[in-house]
Protein backbone atom coordinates (compact mmCIF):
# COMPACT_ATOMS: atom_id res chain seq x y z
CA MET A 1 80.33 94.17 230.19
CA SER A 2 79.93 94.84 233.90
CA GLU A 3 80.78 92.28 236.56
CA LEU A 4 77.09 91.50 237.06
CA VAL A 5 76.42 90.91 233.35
CA ASP A 6 79.51 88.73 233.02
CA LYS A 7 78.38 86.69 236.03
CA GLY A 8 74.93 86.24 234.51
CA LEU A 9 76.27 85.04 231.16
CA LYS A 10 78.42 82.42 232.90
CA ALA A 11 75.68 81.26 235.29
CA LYS A 12 74.35 77.72 234.86
CA ARG A 13 71.37 78.19 237.16
CA GLU A 14 69.19 80.93 238.58
CA SER A 15 70.14 82.55 241.87
CA LYS A 16 69.52 85.59 244.05
CA TYR A 17 71.33 87.75 241.48
CA VAL A 18 70.53 85.91 238.22
CA ASP A 19 67.13 85.18 236.65
CA PHE A 20 66.36 83.40 233.36
CA LYS A 21 63.26 84.12 231.31
CA ARG A 22 62.23 82.15 228.23
CA ARG A 23 60.66 85.21 226.63
CA PHE A 24 59.29 88.66 227.35
CA ASP A 25 56.56 90.34 225.34
CA PRO A 26 56.57 94.14 225.90
CA ASP A 27 52.97 94.27 224.66
CA SER A 28 51.75 92.03 227.50
CA VAL A 29 50.53 93.72 230.72
CA GLY A 30 50.96 90.49 232.64
CA GLU A 31 54.55 89.94 231.52
CA TRP A 32 55.36 93.56 232.42
CA CYS A 33 54.00 93.00 235.94
CA GLU A 34 56.05 89.84 236.40
CA ILE A 35 59.30 91.35 235.15
CA ILE A 36 58.82 94.56 237.17
CA LYS A 37 58.41 92.35 240.25
CA ASP A 38 61.79 90.72 239.52
CA ILE A 39 63.50 94.05 238.77
CA VAL A 40 62.27 95.59 242.03
CA ALA A 41 63.19 92.48 244.04
CA MET A 42 66.71 92.50 242.58
CA ALA A 43 67.17 96.21 243.21
CA ASN A 44 66.13 95.73 246.83
CA THR A 45 68.46 92.76 247.25
CA GLY A 46 71.58 94.49 245.96
CA GLY A 47 71.31 94.25 242.19
CA GLY A 48 71.28 91.52 239.59
CA VAL A 49 70.63 90.57 235.98
CA ILE A 50 67.64 89.14 234.11
CA LEU A 51 68.57 87.16 230.99
CA ILE A 52 65.75 86.94 228.46
CA GLY A 53 65.90 84.16 225.86
CA LEU A 54 66.98 81.35 228.19
CA GLU A 55 65.18 78.34 229.62
CA ASN A 56 65.20 77.68 233.37
CA GLY A 57 68.31 75.55 232.98
CA GLY A 58 70.19 78.27 231.14
CA GLU A 59 69.86 76.79 227.65
CA PRO A 60 68.85 79.20 224.82
CA SER A 61 65.09 79.18 224.27
CA GLY A 62 65.27 80.25 220.63
CA GLU A 63 62.77 83.06 221.26
CA ASN A 64 63.23 86.34 219.38
CA VAL A 65 64.49 89.07 221.75
CA GLU A 66 64.58 91.96 219.25
CA ALA A 67 61.50 93.61 220.77
CA VAL A 68 63.22 93.68 224.17
CA LEU A 69 66.43 95.12 222.74
CA ARG A 70 64.44 97.88 221.05
CA LEU A 71 62.82 98.93 224.32
CA ASP A 72 63.47 102.55 225.18
CA HIS A 73 65.15 103.07 228.55
CA ALA A 74 62.55 105.70 229.40
CA THR A 75 59.77 103.13 228.87
CA LEU A 76 61.39 100.78 231.37
CA VAL A 77 61.80 103.57 233.93
CA ASP A 78 58.19 104.69 233.40
CA LYS A 79 56.91 101.16 234.06
CA ILE A 80 58.86 100.99 237.34
CA ARG A 81 57.53 104.42 238.34
CA LYS A 82 53.96 103.36 237.51
CA TYR A 83 54.01 100.65 240.19
CA THR A 84 56.47 102.06 242.75
CA GLY A 85 56.11 105.83 242.41
CA CYS A 86 59.94 106.09 242.25
CA ASP A 87 62.17 107.27 239.41
CA PHE A 88 64.50 104.29 239.62
CA SER A 89 66.63 104.59 236.47
CA GLU A 90 69.50 102.29 237.46
CA VAL A 91 68.52 99.68 234.87
CA GLU A 92 70.05 99.04 231.49
CA ILE A 93 69.36 96.64 228.62
CA HIS A 94 72.33 94.85 227.06
CA GLU A 95 72.63 92.61 224.03
CA ALA A 96 74.81 89.51 224.29
CA LYS A 97 75.07 85.91 223.12
CA ARG A 98 74.96 82.57 224.87
CA GLN A 99 76.00 79.56 222.81
CA GLU A 100 75.81 81.85 219.75
CA ASP A 101 72.14 82.63 220.44
CA PRO A 102 71.18 86.27 221.12
CA VAL A 103 69.89 87.13 224.58
CA ALA A 104 68.64 90.39 226.07
CA ILE A 105 69.98 91.25 229.50
CA ILE A 106 68.34 93.66 231.92
CA GLU A 107 71.00 94.82 234.39
CA VAL A 108 69.63 96.11 237.69
CA ALA A 109 71.68 98.16 240.15
CA GLU A 110 71.16 98.27 243.90
CA ALA A 111 68.45 100.54 245.29
CA LYS A 112 69.86 102.46 248.23
CA VAL A 113 66.34 102.72 249.70
CA PRO A 114 64.01 99.71 249.20
CA LEU A 115 61.37 100.17 246.52
CA VAL A 116 57.79 99.66 247.72
CA PHE A 117 54.90 98.83 245.38
CA GLN A 118 52.36 101.65 245.51
CA SER A 119 50.06 100.06 242.95
CA ALA A 120 48.99 96.43 242.62
CA GLY A 121 50.36 94.42 239.71
CA THR A 122 47.07 92.88 238.55
CA TYR A 123 46.27 91.48 235.11
CA GLU A 124 44.20 88.83 233.36
CA SER A 125 45.52 85.44 232.27
CA ALA A 126 43.32 82.98 230.37
CA GLY A 127 40.33 85.09 231.34
CA LYS A 128 41.11 84.94 235.06
CA PRO A 129 42.44 87.78 237.26
CA LYS A 130 45.98 87.34 238.57
CA SER A 131 48.21 89.40 240.82
CA ALA A 132 52.00 89.61 240.54
CA PHE A 133 52.26 91.78 243.67
CA ALA A 134 50.02 93.72 246.05
CA ARG A 135 50.00 97.39 246.97
CA GLY A 136 52.25 98.18 249.94
CA THR A 137 54.49 95.11 249.54
CA VAL A 138 58.29 95.13 249.42
CA TYR A 139 59.85 92.35 247.35
CA PHE A 140 63.28 90.73 247.67
CA ARG A 141 65.08 87.81 246.06
CA HIS A 142 64.97 84.58 248.05
CA GLY A 143 67.21 82.25 246.11
CA ALA A 144 65.83 82.15 242.56
CA LYS A 145 62.42 83.56 243.57
CA SER A 146 61.09 87.11 244.00
CA GLU A 147 58.99 87.14 247.17
CA PRO A 148 57.60 89.58 249.78
CA GLY A 149 60.26 90.77 252.19
CA THR A 150 60.92 89.57 255.73
CA THR A 151 62.52 91.13 258.80
CA ASP A 152 65.83 89.52 257.78
CA ASP A 153 65.62 91.22 254.36
CA ILE A 154 65.24 94.64 255.96
CA ARG A 155 68.12 93.85 258.31
CA CYS A 156 70.32 92.98 255.31
CA VAL A 157 69.45 96.30 253.64
CA ILE A 158 70.52 98.21 256.75
CA GLU A 159 73.73 96.17 257.06
CA ARG A 160 74.62 96.79 253.38
CA ARG A 161 74.12 100.51 253.81
CA LEU A 162 76.18 100.60 257.00
CA GLU A 163 78.96 98.62 255.31
CA SER A 164 78.97 101.07 252.39
CA ILE A 165 79.28 104.05 254.75
CA ARG A 166 81.95 102.24 256.79
CA SER A 167 83.98 101.56 253.61
CA GLU A 168 83.79 105.22 252.60
CA TRP A 169 85.03 106.30 256.02
CA LEU A 170 87.87 103.77 256.07
CA ASP A 171 88.90 104.76 252.56
CA GLY A 172 89.16 108.39 253.69
CA VAL A 173 91.14 107.41 256.78
CA ARG A 174 93.56 105.31 254.70
CA LYS A 175 94.21 108.21 252.36
CA ILE A 176 95.03 110.52 255.26
CA VAL A 177 97.23 107.96 257.05
CA SER A 178 99.19 107.11 253.88
CA ALA A 179 99.65 110.74 252.78
CA PRO A 180 103.31 111.90 252.68
CA GLN A 181 104.58 113.85 255.67
CA GLY A 182 103.79 117.53 255.33
CA SER A 183 100.71 116.97 253.14
CA THR A 184 97.73 119.27 253.53
CA VAL A 185 94.24 117.82 253.83
CA SER A 186 91.51 119.78 252.05
CA VAL A 187 87.80 119.16 252.53
CA PHE A 188 85.43 119.72 249.61
CA SER A 189 81.65 119.67 249.50
CA GLY A 190 79.96 117.18 247.19
CA GLU A 191 79.39 119.96 244.63
CA VAL A 192 82.29 120.86 242.37
CA THR A 193 82.02 124.30 240.77
CA GLU A 194 83.98 125.93 237.99
CA SER A 195 87.24 127.45 239.25
CA ARG A 196 87.54 131.24 239.04
CA SER A 197 91.16 131.31 240.15
CA ALA A 198 93.64 132.86 237.73
CA ASP A 199 96.16 130.25 238.90
CA ALA A 200 93.95 127.27 237.98
CA THR A 201 95.42 124.92 235.36
CA PRO A 202 92.93 123.70 232.75
CA ILE A 203 93.21 120.03 231.75
CA ARG A 204 91.61 117.70 229.20
CA LEU A 205 91.25 113.93 229.17
CA VAL A 206 93.43 112.13 226.63
CA ASP A 207 94.31 108.54 225.73
CA ASP A 208 98.09 109.10 225.89
CA PRO A 209 99.48 106.79 228.65
CA ASN A 210 102.52 109.08 228.99
CA ALA A 211 100.44 112.18 229.74
CA PRO A 212 100.39 113.52 233.33
CA GLY A 213 97.71 111.89 235.48
CA TYR A 214 94.97 113.86 237.21
CA ARG A 215 92.45 112.23 239.52
CA LEU A 216 88.77 112.84 238.75
CA ILE A 217 87.22 114.29 241.90
CA ASP A 218 83.57 113.39 241.37
CA HIS A 219 82.28 111.09 238.61
CA ASP A 220 78.74 112.38 239.12
CA THR A 221 79.99 115.85 238.15
CA THR A 222 82.38 114.79 235.37
CA TYR A 223 79.83 112.35 233.89
CA PRO A 224 76.48 113.90 234.89
CA TYR A 225 74.15 111.99 232.56
CA ARG A 226 72.59 108.55 232.71
CA GLN A 227 71.23 107.34 229.38
CA THR A 228 67.80 108.95 229.79
CA GLU A 229 69.26 112.36 230.64
CA LEU A 230 71.83 112.05 227.83
CA ILE A 231 69.11 111.41 225.24
CA ALA A 232 67.13 114.43 226.48
CA VAL A 233 70.22 116.69 226.35
CA VAL A 234 71.26 115.55 222.87
CA ASN A 235 67.71 115.88 221.50
CA GLY A 236 67.65 119.42 222.87
CA MET A 237 70.85 120.23 220.96
CA LEU A 238 69.90 118.56 217.66
CA PRO A 239 67.78 120.27 214.98
CA GLY A 240 64.05 120.15 215.63
CA ASP A 241 63.35 117.52 212.97
CA VAL A 242 65.98 115.12 214.34
CA GLY A 243 65.56 112.94 217.43
CA ILE A 244 67.36 109.94 218.89
CA ASN A 245 66.29 107.08 221.16
CA THR A 246 67.89 104.37 223.27
CA TYR A 247 68.74 102.18 220.28
CA ASP A 248 70.55 105.06 218.57
CA ILE A 249 72.73 105.59 221.66
CA LEU A 250 73.41 101.85 221.87
CA ALA A 251 74.45 101.75 218.20
CA VAL A 252 76.75 104.77 218.57
CA ARG A 253 78.31 103.37 221.75
CA ARG A 254 79.03 99.97 220.23
CA THR A 255 80.23 101.08 216.77
CA HIS A 256 82.48 103.84 218.12
CA GLU A 257 83.63 101.95 221.27
CA ILE A 258 82.42 104.75 223.53
CA ASP A 259 82.24 102.63 226.70
CA GLY A 260 86.02 102.29 226.70
CA ASP A 261 86.68 106.00 226.19
CA ALA A 262 87.24 107.83 229.50
CA ARG A 263 86.50 111.17 227.84
CA TYR A 264 82.91 110.17 227.25
CA CYS A 265 81.87 107.33 229.54
CA HIS A 266 82.28 106.08 233.11
CA ARG A 267 81.04 102.63 234.15
CA PRO A 268 80.47 102.29 237.91
CA LYS A 269 81.19 98.86 239.38
CA PHE A 270 77.48 98.46 240.14
CA GLY A 271 75.14 100.62 238.10
CA SER A 272 74.46 101.85 234.61
CA PRO A 273 77.00 103.91 232.62
CA GLN A 274 77.33 107.66 233.06
CA TYR A 275 78.17 110.07 230.24
CA SER A 276 79.97 113.40 229.96
CA ASP A 277 78.99 116.71 228.40
CA ALA A 278 81.80 116.07 225.93
CA PHE A 279 79.99 112.95 224.67
CA ALA A 280 76.75 114.86 224.12
CA LYS A 281 78.61 117.57 222.18
CA TRP A 282 80.55 114.95 220.21
CA ILE A 283 77.31 113.25 219.09
CA VAL A 284 75.81 116.55 217.94
CA GLU A 285 79.02 117.48 216.09
CA GLN A 286 79.10 114.09 214.30
CA HIS A 287 75.53 114.62 213.08
CA LYS A 288 76.38 118.16 212.01
CA GLN A 289 79.23 116.81 209.86
CA ASN A 290 77.22 113.84 208.57
CA ASN A 291 73.40 113.93 208.49
CA ASN A 292 73.40 110.12 208.10
CA PHE A 293 75.48 109.58 211.25
CA PHE A 294 72.75 107.82 213.26
CA GLU A 295 71.46 105.77 210.33
CA GLU A 296 74.98 104.55 209.53
CA ALA A 297 75.61 103.67 213.17
CA ARG A 298 72.38 101.64 213.32
CA LYS A 299 73.22 99.74 210.11
CA LYS A 300 76.77 99.02 211.26
CA HIS A 301 75.59 97.85 214.68
CA PHE A 302 72.95 95.60 213.10
CA ALA A 303 75.58 94.09 210.78
CA GLN A 304 77.99 93.49 213.68
CA THR A 305 75.29 91.90 215.81
CA HIS A 306 74.11 89.52 213.14
CA SER A 307 77.46 88.72 211.51
CA ASP A 308 77.75 85.42 213.44
CA SER A 309 74.09 84.45 213.12
């Protein structure tokens, strides 16, 4: 679990970064509008988590969260795009327990540029029109509430971005200052290309703690896929009559402990996991060897999830 998710599970009350919801019905337009408002507000405020299946005081509500856990990541991203016009994919759904009751957690990463609503979040409730947010508004978290932004909110966004850039600069300066005497400083562009040098030494990632260590230059290159892209790549490699979705990836990750395997997965401190080409190829190879690979993973994950129920 990420630091944000762990913080949410331990929280006793709602805050700027933690929100409790008694339930969430993916078939309800109104509930989609309200949860999209909270997701966007959290992204604009620096990230956070929404725990579904909890009362306002943090006690389990007893509501069934299976429909939320089955939500496809692409569906969530499409809903955000529908109202903001942005492909904000830094959201992930987790399954966890609080007091032995299952909860669904939506983890939201920070948006580097504030998300603005381009469409109004209107719906009907009890036969009356309601509006979760208006077109052209920018929402932020004010305590435990998601509200339209203020000048101070925009100032905080700028300060967070400046602090991030300042930290990157200082980190680079520290590396140069602490380098051994006689070291050579090399500057690389953000793009890492395949080496054509005959002197290049090929390496592979292993679990052996005694193996020589090599620093990964760019995680975005080594682990190029978020979950949506991974699913698209794997489906393109699988036979035409076979397709996987978000739940299949979740089941494979949990039953084969993928998140802890550096060959296949990288978890940023703030943000959703990233996956390697090796993981995509591994999934396809497992299905090639066993046509029931995905079905078995789903059954095993279901059994693990409900073993304590």
